[in-house]
Amino acid sequence: MNVKFLNQPKDVNFLDVLKEKLENNKFSKIWLVAGFAKDSALDLIYDSVAKAVANGATVECVFGLDKKNTSKDMLLKFLSLGCTVRFHINGDQAKFESRMFIFESEEGDSYVYVPGSKLSEGGITSNYTLIEEISYSKEEKVEFGKVKAALESGLMSDEFEVLTEEKLKDLASTGEILARITERKIPSINELYNQTTSTEENAATTYDEESGVDYKELLNSDIDIAIDSEETIKVQESLGDEVEHKIKKVEKEPEDKVITKMVGLEKEPDFENANTLIMQLSNCSSGEIKIAPAIALSLKTFFNYPDFFHVEKDEKENLNETQAVELEIFENASNFQADDDNAQIIFNTKNALIRSEVLKQISLDDGDIMRLIKQNNSKFRCEIIKQNTNEFEVWQNFCTVQIKGTTKKIGVI
């Protein structure tokens, strides 16, 4: 038995280690054990797991599921490969916290990896962590067998159920997991309100296959339905809660279609499950958008804190927690659009900032609206909605909660 410690990100990237082992056809059985299995990481290893299965390996997954970070769609992809998936629903009372990746070879060395970080994108790519690598030669089958025995005896209890497609549907309908993969394309503001026509490929799906209407998809998409001028409809949220939305008809010329405008409800924002943040701007300065201290702490979940953040000093020697992100920037009054691959999300003791060199090319005025769409864990679309535009009237309806200590409001979708 040989033990090594791998230093991420200084010496290795654990994602590369996993890919290399998964795609190597010398392993007959593979265990992926993660007490916190996040869609972002599962997506990164999916193709390599598919290659492992194609090479003849048996893949056993044991995942702790989280209603904010694990989706039915992603787990269904793993089941479709032929993987066996056992699961534990992580709650406040009992959590599954093990992390272990095991690769068994009949003819060569077998490996056990015990990482210090979670199975998240940051955890297997950029977070600072030590990964224990234990290798067993084929002459050490007895010792390796003890590892397998301990693993299987601990994970064969009633606490770990074998996942099926039917069980997945139940978990999604009751809100134990997300219904859909959240890193999906969301239409931009100009796609929504400049009378563009969606292609069949990107057209909105207004009815979830199991649970009726997916209201998050509804709020971010064109809606083509016939309704009275004003009425209340009930839609089924992905997480299982029935909510009411007021919808108001807006005439569209010259086509005989009805486009609905969703009016934001006055309720506390659900930052944890949101993928779009709508906020009235204040204290604007060149190249950055400031987020008030009153809501900065709540928004850490929206920005995937702490998985993708690291501590660094600024020019004044202040410590900031920083995440590098890709930022698509759009300003609707002038149709300005540009990408910044080196933007930053910054948390400090005072507030939070979105900082970008591209933002310096835009006039940010007090009271303008920012529509920030989370496209994936490290990519956002930032749309600036100017006050003298028709779109501004639409999106200010979603700013329903006043930010403490300011005159500005915020909302989420």
Protein backbone atom coordinates (compact mmCIF):
# COMPACT_ATOMS: atom_id res chain seq x y z
CA MET A 1 0.00 0.00 0.00
CA ASN A 2 1.32 3.41 -0.95
CA VAL A 3 -0.08 6.73 0.33
CA LYS A 4 0.42 10.12 -1.31
CA PHE A 5 -1.08 13.55 -0.76
CA LEU A 6 -2.01 15.64 -3.80
CA ASN A 7 -2.12 19.40 -3.42
CA GLN A 8 -4.89 21.19 -5.34
CA PRO A 9 -4.61 23.59 -7.13
CA LYS A 10 -0.83 23.91 -6.75
CA ASP A 11 0.14 20.47 -8.07
CA VAL A 12 -2.99 18.85 -9.46
CA ASN A 13 -6.53 19.44 -10.55
CA PHE A 14 -8.66 16.67 -9.03
CA LEU A 15 -11.01 16.80 -12.01
CA ASP A 16 -8.10 15.77 -14.25
CA VAL A 17 -7.25 12.92 -11.87
CA LEU A 18 -10.84 11.67 -11.93
CA LYS A 19 -11.09 11.93 -15.71
CA GLU A 20 -7.82 10.04 -16.20
CA LYS A 21 -8.92 7.20 -13.94
CA LEU A 22 -12.48 7.03 -15.29
CA GLU A 23 -11.34 6.92 -18.92
CA ASN A 24 -8.63 4.33 -18.24
CA ASN A 25 -10.00 0.96 -19.34
CA LYS A 26 -8.06 -1.10 -16.79
CA PHE A 27 -10.59 -0.62 -13.95
CA SER A 28 -13.42 -3.14 -13.65
CA LYS A 29 -15.38 -1.47 -10.86
CA ILE A 30 -15.63 2.15 -9.76
CA TRP A 31 -17.30 3.74 -6.73
CA LEU A 32 -18.16 7.45 -6.66
CA VAL A 33 -19.08 8.36 -3.08
CA ALA A 34 -20.01 11.96 -2.26
CA GLY A 35 -22.03 13.24 0.66
CA PHE A 36 -22.64 16.47 -1.25
CA ALA A 37 -23.20 15.85 -4.98
CA LYS A 38 -23.66 19.07 -6.91
CA ASP A 39 -24.91 19.28 -10.51
CA SER A 40 -21.94 21.42 -11.55
CA ALA A 41 -19.42 18.67 -10.68
CA LEU A 42 -21.55 15.79 -11.93
CA ASP A 43 -21.80 17.54 -15.29
CA LEU A 44 -18.00 17.88 -15.46
CA ILE A 45 -17.38 14.15 -14.94
CA TYR A 46 -20.40 12.84 -16.88
CA ASP A 47 -18.60 12.23 -20.20
CA SER A 48 -15.77 10.40 -18.42
CA VAL A 49 -18.23 8.22 -16.50
CA ALA A 50 -19.90 7.40 -19.82
CA LYS A 51 -16.51 6.27 -21.19
CA ALA A 52 -15.90 4.13 -18.10
CA VAL A 53 -19.23 2.36 -18.62
CA ALA A 54 -18.51 1.96 -22.35
CA ASN A 55 -15.18 0.35 -21.42
CA GLY A 56 -17.05 -2.26 -19.37
CA ALA A 57 -16.63 -0.85 -15.86
CA THR A 58 -19.37 -1.20 -13.28
CA VAL A 59 -20.01 2.22 -11.77
CA GLU A 60 -21.60 2.49 -8.31
CA CYS A 61 -22.62 5.97 -7.12
CA VAL A 62 -23.53 6.85 -3.55
CA PHE A 63 -24.68 10.46 -3.30
CA GLY A 64 -26.00 12.78 -0.65
CA LEU A 65 -28.77 14.76 -2.36
CA ASP A 66 -29.46 18.41 -1.75
CA LYS A 67 -32.66 20.15 -2.83
CA LYS A 68 -30.76 23.29 -3.91
CA ASN A 69 -27.90 21.69 -5.82
CA THR A 70 -28.92 18.27 -7.17
CA SER A 71 -31.46 17.89 -9.97
CA LYS A 72 -33.66 15.13 -11.29
CA ASP A 73 -32.36 15.74 -14.82
CA MET A 74 -28.71 15.25 -13.86
CA LEU A 75 -29.36 12.08 -11.87
CA LEU A 76 -31.46 10.73 -14.72
CA LYS A 77 -28.45 11.16 -17.01
CA PHE A 78 -26.36 8.97 -14.69
CA LEU A 79 -29.10 6.33 -14.45
CA SER A 80 -29.37 6.28 -18.24
CA LEU A 81 -25.69 5.28 -18.44
CA GLY A 82 -26.41 2.17 -16.41
CA CYS A 83 -24.88 3.43 -13.17
CA THR A 84 -26.30 2.14 -9.90
CA VAL A 85 -27.11 5.13 -7.71
CA ARG A 86 -27.78 4.89 -3.98
CA PHE A 87 -28.82 8.08 -2.26
CA HIS A 88 -29.39 9.80 1.06
CA ILE A 89 -31.52 12.94 1.39
CA ASN A 90 -29.46 15.43 3.38
CA GLY A 91 -31.52 17.35 5.92
CA ASP A 92 -31.01 19.39 9.05
CA GLN A 93 -31.04 16.32 11.30
CA ALA A 94 -28.91 13.84 9.37
CA LYS A 95 -26.36 14.42 6.62
CA PHE A 96 -24.20 12.04 4.62
CA GLU A 97 -20.67 13.49 4.70
CA SER A 98 -18.28 10.90 3.26
CA ARG A 99 -16.16 11.54 0.14
CA MET A 100 -14.35 8.64 -1.51
CA PHE A 101 -13.55 7.63 -5.10
CA ILE A 102 -12.46 4.02 -5.60
CA PHE A 103 -11.05 2.39 -8.74
CA GLU A 104 -10.63 -1.41 -8.68
CA SER A 105 -8.38 -3.27 -11.13
CA GLU A 106 -8.19 -7.05 -11.42
CA GLU A 107 -4.73 -7.09 -12.99
CA GLY A 108 -3.03 -3.86 -11.87
CA ASP A 109 -3.02 -1.29 -9.09
CA SER A 110 -6.29 -0.23 -7.45
CA TYR A 111 -6.79 3.28 -6.10
CA VAL A 112 -8.70 5.02 -3.33
CA TYR A 113 -8.99 8.83 -3.32
CA VAL A 114 -10.19 10.74 -0.28
CA PRO A 115 -10.51 14.45 -1.14
CA GLY A 116 -10.88 17.20 1.41
CA SER A 117 -13.43 19.14 -0.63
CA LYS A 118 -16.98 18.50 -1.78
CA LEU A 119 -18.08 17.13 -5.15
CA SER A 120 -18.70 20.59 -6.58
CA GLU A 121 -17.10 22.40 -9.50
CA GLY A 122 -14.83 24.42 -7.24
CA GLY A 123 -14.16 21.41 -5.04
CA ILE A 124 -12.65 19.37 -7.88
CA THR A 125 -11.03 22.19 -9.86
CA SER A 126 -9.83 25.23 -7.94
CA ASN A 127 -10.48 25.11 -4.19
CA TYR A 128 -7.45 24.72 -1.94
CA THR A 129 -7.47 21.15 -0.65
CA LEU A 130 -5.38 18.05 -0.01
CA ILE A 131 -6.40 14.80 -1.70
CA GLU A 132 -5.25 11.53 -0.19
CA GLU A 133 -4.32 8.92 -2.80
CA ILE A 134 -3.95 5.31 -1.59
CA SER A 135 -2.80 2.71 -4.10
CA TYR A 136 -2.92 -1.08 -3.69
CA SER A 137 -0.95 -3.49 -5.85
CA LYS A 138 -2.64 -6.63 -7.16
CA GLU A 139 -0.75 -8.58 -4.47
CA GLU A 140 -2.58 -6.52 -1.83
CA LYS A 141 -6.09 -7.69 -2.72
CA VAL A 142 -6.82 -8.66 0.90
CA GLU A 143 -6.06 -5.15 2.18
CA PHE A 144 -8.05 -3.58 -0.66
CA GLY A 145 -10.91 -5.97 0.05
CA LYS A 146 -11.16 -4.58 3.58
CA VAL A 147 -11.73 -1.10 2.14
CA LYS A 148 -14.53 -2.42 -0.08
CA ALA A 149 -16.08 -4.36 2.79
CA ALA A 150 -16.12 -1.30 5.05
CA LEU A 151 -17.62 0.80 2.27
CA GLU A 152 -20.35 -1.66 1.37
CA SER A 153 -21.30 -2.50 4.95
CA GLY A 154 -21.74 1.19 5.72
CA LEU A 155 -23.73 2.01 2.63
CA MET A 156 -26.06 -0.97 2.41
CA SER A 157 -28.25 0.14 5.32
CA ASP A 158 -31.85 1.33 5.01
CA GLU A 159 -30.55 4.92 5.02
CA PHE A 160 -29.30 4.46 1.44
CA GLU A 161 -32.00 3.63 -1.09
CA VAL A 162 -31.38 2.53 -4.68
CA LEU A 163 -32.53 5.27 -7.03
CA THR A 164 -35.04 4.58 -9.83
CA GLU A 165 -36.66 6.83 -12.43
CA GLU A 166 -39.97 6.59 -10.56
CA LYS A 167 -38.30 7.56 -7.29
CA LEU A 168 -36.63 10.50 -9.06
CA LYS A 169 -40.03 11.81 -10.13
CA ASP A 170 -41.29 11.54 -6.56
CA LEU A 171 -38.27 13.38 -5.16
CA ALA A 172 -38.67 16.21 -7.68
CA SER A 173 -42.42 16.54 -7.13
CA THR A 174 -42.00 16.79 -3.34
CA GLY A 175 -39.14 19.28 -3.59
CA GLU A 176 -36.44 17.00 -2.16
CA ILE A 177 -34.36 17.73 -5.27
CA LEU A 178 -34.56 20.21 -8.14
CA ALA A 179 -36.65 19.17 -11.12
CA ARG A 180 -34.37 20.56 -13.78
CA ILE A 181 -30.70 21.23 -14.40
CA THR A 182 -30.37 24.90 -13.47
CA GLU A 183 -27.48 25.82 -15.78
CA ARG A 184 -29.76 26.33 -18.78
CA LYS A 185 -29.99 29.09 -21.36
CA ILE A 186 -32.26 31.89 -20.15
CA PRO A 187 -33.62 34.37 -22.73
CA SER A 188 -32.14 37.85 -22.55
CA ILE A 189 -34.21 40.99 -22.07
CA ASN A 190 -34.01 41.94 -25.74
CA GLU A 191 -35.11 38.44 -26.77
CA LEU A 192 -38.12 38.77 -24.49
CA TYR A 193 -39.35 42.24 -25.35
CA ASN A 194 -38.05 43.20 -28.81
CA GLN A 195 -40.71 40.98 -30.43
CA THR A 196 -38.21 38.34 -31.52
CA THR A 197 -39.56 34.89 -32.26
CA SER A 198 -38.04 31.93 -30.45
CA THR A 199 -36.91 29.00 -32.59
CA GLU A 200 -38.42 25.61 -31.89
CA GLU A 201 -35.10 24.59 -30.33
CA ASN A 202 -35.18 27.37 -27.73
CA ALA A 203 -38.96 27.72 -27.39
CA ALA A 204 -40.24 27.79 -23.81
CA THR A 205 -41.62 24.61 -22.34
CA THR A 206 -44.45 25.80 -20.14
CA TYR A 207 -45.52 22.39 -18.82
CA ASP A 208 -43.25 20.19 -16.78
CA GLU A 209 -43.51 16.54 -17.75
CA GLU A 210 -44.60 15.49 -14.26
CA SER A 211 -45.86 18.45 -12.30
CA GLY A 212 -47.61 20.93 -14.58
CA VAL A 213 -46.18 24.37 -15.20
CA ASP A 214 -42.59 25.19 -14.20
CA TYR A 215 -43.01 28.78 -13.07
CA LYS A 216 -39.29 29.65 -13.17
CA GLU A 217 -39.21 28.67 -16.84
CA LEU A 218 -42.45 30.61 -17.32
CA LEU A 219 -41.10 33.80 -15.81
CA ASN A 220 -38.01 33.74 -18.06
CA SER A 221 -39.74 32.91 -21.35
CA ASP A 222 -42.20 34.18 -23.93
CA ILE A 223 -45.69 32.90 -23.20
CA ASP A 224 -48.18 32.31 -25.99
CA ILE A 225 -51.53 31.47 -24.40
CA ALA A 226 -55.06 32.81 -24.71
CA ILE A 227 -56.45 34.32 -21.51
CA ASP A 228 -58.87 36.97 -20.34
CA SER A 229 -57.58 40.53 -19.97
CA GLU A 230 -56.75 39.95 -16.35
CA GLU A 231 -57.10 36.84 -14.23
CA THR A 232 -55.20 34.74 -11.72
CA ILE A 233 -53.58 31.45 -12.70
CA LYS A 234 -52.03 28.82 -10.47
CA VAL A 235 -48.80 27.22 -11.54
CA GLN A 236 -46.82 24.42 -9.98
CA GLU A 237 -43.32 25.41 -8.93
CA SER A 238 -40.46 22.96 -9.67
CA LEU A 239 -39.93 22.49 -5.97
CA GLY A 240 -43.50 21.43 -5.41
CA ASP A 241 -45.09 24.56 -3.91
CA GLU A 242 -48.24 25.90 -5.53
CA VAL A 243 -48.05 29.66 -6.00
CA GLU A 244 -50.30 32.27 -7.54
CA HIS A 245 -49.26 34.85 -10.11
CA LYS A 246 -51.18 37.78 -11.48
CA ILE A 247 -50.88 37.95 -15.24
CA LYS A 248 -51.82 40.86 -17.39
CA LYS A 249 -52.44 40.81 -21.13
CA VAL A 250 -50.32 43.02 -23.37
CA GLU A 251 -51.46 43.43 -26.95
CA LYS A 252 -48.89 42.65 -29.61
CA GLU A 253 -49.22 44.07 -33.10
CA PRO A 254 -49.61 43.12 -35.84
CA GLU A 255 -49.78 39.42 -34.87
CA ASP A 256 -52.91 38.01 -33.26
CA LYS A 257 -51.02 36.72 -30.27
CA VAL A 258 -51.20 37.40 -26.57
CA ILE A 259 -47.98 38.02 -24.66
CA THR A 260 -48.36 37.92 -20.89
CA LYS A 261 -46.48 40.04 -18.41
CA MET A 262 -45.75 38.46 -15.06
CA VAL A 263 -46.15 40.84 -12.14
CA GLY A 264 -43.83 40.05 -9.25
CA LEU A 265 -45.49 39.05 -6.01
CA GLU A 266 -44.72 40.89 -2.81
CA LYS A 267 -42.89 38.28 -0.77
CA GLU A 268 -39.46 37.73 0.71
CA PRO A 269 -36.93 36.83 -2.00
CA ASP A 270 -35.85 33.19 -2.11
CA PHE A 271 -32.15 33.81 -2.79
CA GLU A 272 -31.20 30.15 -2.40
CA ASN A 273 -33.33 28.86 -5.26
CA ALA A 274 -33.21 31.92 -7.53
CA ASN A 275 -31.40 32.08 -10.84
CA THR A 276 -32.21 35.73 -11.64
CA LEU A 277 -31.63 38.76 -9.41
CA ILE A 278 -33.44 42.03 -10.20
CA MET A 279 -32.16 45.07 -8.28
CA GLN A 280 -32.45 48.84 -8.42
CA LEU A 281 -28.95 50.34 -8.50
CA SER A 282 -27.59 52.89 -6.04
CA ASN A 283 -24.20 54.46 -5.27
CA CYS A 284 -23.08 53.78 -8.84
CA SER A 285 -19.42 54.17 -9.75
CA SER A 286 -17.37 53.46 -12.85
CA GLY A 287 -16.66 49.79 -13.48
CA GLU A 288 -18.54 48.30 -10.56
CA ILE A 289 -21.99 47.63 -9.17
CA LYS A 290 -22.35 47.80 -5.40
CA ILE A 291 -24.68 45.50 -3.50
CA ALA A 292 -26.00 46.89 -0.23
CA PRO A 293 -24.66 45.36 3.01
CA ALA A 294 -28.23 44.55 4.07
CA ILE A 295 -28.54 41.89 1.36
CA ALA A 296 -24.91 40.98 0.63
CA LEU A 297 -24.87 38.14 3.16
CA SER A 298 -28.09 36.63 1.76
CA LEU A 299 -26.65 36.69 -1.77
CA LYS A 300 -23.66 34.50 -0.93
CA THR A 301 -25.69 31.42 -1.81
CA PHE A 302 -26.74 32.96 -5.15
CA PHE A 303 -23.06 33.47 -5.99
CA ASN A 304 -22.09 29.89 -4.95
CA TYR A 305 -20.13 30.98 -1.89
CA PRO A 306 -17.73 29.55 -0.72
CA ASP A 307 -17.07 26.95 -3.44
CA PHE A 308 -15.54 29.35 -5.96
CA PHE A 309 -14.11 32.09 -3.74
CA HIS A 310 -10.58 32.74 -2.55
CA VAL A 311 -9.13 35.38 -0.25
CA GLU A 312 -6.91 38.09 -1.71
CA LYS A 313 -5.69 41.56 -0.75
CA ASP A 314 -6.65 44.69 -2.68
CA GLU A 315 -4.43 47.71 -3.32
CA LYS A 316 -5.24 49.03 0.18
CA GLU A 317 -4.22 45.72 1.81
CA ASN A 318 -7.86 44.94 2.66
CA LEU A 319 -8.86 41.27 2.56
CA ASN A 320 -11.57 40.43 0.03
CA GLU A 321 -13.25 37.15 -0.84
CA THR A 322 -13.19 37.02 -4.62
CA GLN A 323 -14.64 34.84 -7.37
CA ALA A 324 -13.51 35.18 -11.00
CA VAL A 325 -16.47 35.00 -13.37
CA GLU A 326 -17.39 35.39 -17.01
CA LEU A 327 -19.81 38.28 -17.42
CA GLU A 328 -22.02 38.96 -20.43
CA ILE A 329 -22.98 42.62 -20.24
CA PHE A 330 -25.93 44.22 -22.03
CA GLU A 331 -27.36 47.76 -21.80
CA ASN A 332 -30.82 47.99 -23.32
CA ALA A 333 -31.08 51.71 -24.22
CA SER A 334 -28.13 51.62 -26.63
CA ASN A 335 -28.12 47.84 -27.29
CA PHE A 336 -24.52 47.77 -26.06
CA GLN A 337 -23.27 44.23 -25.55
CA ALA A 338 -19.83 42.88 -24.64
CA ASP A 339 -18.26 40.00 -22.74
CA ASP A 340 -15.77 40.18 -19.90
CA ASP A 341 -13.94 36.93 -19.10
CA ASN A 342 -12.09 38.56 -16.19
CA ALA A 343 -14.92 40.02 -14.13
CA GLN A 344 -15.09 39.54 -10.36
CA ILE A 345 -17.65 39.00 -7.62
CA ILE A 346 -16.19 40.45 -4.41
CA PHE A 347 -17.34 40.18 -0.80
CA ASN A 348 -15.72 42.33 1.88
CA THR A 349 -16.62 43.53 5.35
CA LYS A 350 -18.72 46.41 4.00
CA ASN A 351 -20.67 45.11 1.01
CA ALA A 352 -20.49 43.07 -2.18
CA LEU A 353 -19.31 44.22 -5.60
CA ILE A 354 -19.61 43.16 -9.21
CA ARG A 355 -16.47 44.54 -10.86
CA SER A 356 -15.72 44.64 -14.59
CA GLU A 357 -13.65 46.74 -16.96
CA VAL A 358 -16.48 46.47 -19.49
CA LEU A 359 -18.89 48.14 -17.05
CA LYS A 360 -16.76 51.28 -17.38
CA GLN A 361 -18.13 51.62 -20.90
CA ILE A 362 -21.71 51.95 -19.60
CA SER A 363 -23.36 54.87 -17.83
CA LEU A 364 -24.79 53.51 -14.58
CA ASP A 365 -27.36 55.83 -13.03
CA ASP A 366 -28.93 55.72 -9.60
CA GLY A 367 -32.26 53.90 -9.94
CA ASP A 368 -31.44 51.90 -13.07
CA ILE A 369 -32.29 48.21 -12.81
CA MET A 370 -29.79 45.36 -13.00
CA ARG A 371 -31.09 41.99 -14.13
CA LEU A 372 -28.39 39.46 -13.20
CA ILE A 373 -28.93 35.96 -14.62
CA LYS A 374 -26.91 33.01 -13.32
CA GLN A 375 -26.18 30.97 -16.45
CA ASN A 376 -23.89 28.56 -14.62
CA ASN A 377 -21.72 28.57 -11.52
CA SER A 378 -19.08 30.91 -12.95
CA LYS A 379 -20.93 32.67 -15.76
CA PHE A 380 -23.50 35.45 -15.40
CA ARG A 381 -25.40 37.76 -17.71
CA CYS A 382 -25.69 41.33 -16.42
CA GLU A 383 -28.41 43.39 -18.10
CA ILE A 384 -28.69 47.10 -17.29
CA ILE A 385 -32.25 48.34 -17.80
CA LYS A 386 -32.30 52.13 -18.19
CA GLN A 387 -35.07 54.20 -16.64
CA ASN A 388 -36.18 55.82 -19.90
CA THR A 389 -37.06 52.51 -21.61
CA ASN A 390 -40.25 50.44 -21.80
CA GLU A 391 -38.46 47.43 -20.34
CA PHE A 392 -37.81 49.39 -17.15
CA GLU A 393 -41.55 49.50 -16.40
CA VAL A 394 -41.72 45.72 -16.79
CA TRP A 395 -38.82 44.84 -14.52
CA GLN A 396 -39.53 47.34 -11.77
CA ASN A 397 -42.66 45.24 -11.09
CA PHE A 398 -40.35 42.48 -9.90
CA CYS A 399 -38.54 44.73 -7.40
CA THR A 400 -40.98 44.05 -4.57
CA VAL A 401 -38.91 44.13 -1.37
CA GLN A 402 -37.28 47.28 -0.07
CA ILE A 403 -33.62 46.98 0.88
CA LYS A 404 -33.18 47.97 4.53
CA GLY A 405 -31.59 51.38 4.98
CA THR A 406 -32.18 52.44 1.35
CA THR A 407 -34.97 53.61 -0.92
CA LYS A 408 -34.20 50.86 -3.43
CA LYS A 409 -35.95 47.53 -3.98
CA ILE A 410 -34.97 44.03 -5.02
CA GLY A 411 -36.61 40.88 -6.37
CA VAL A 412 -35.66 37.42 -7.57
CA ILE A 413 -36.89 34.80 -10.00
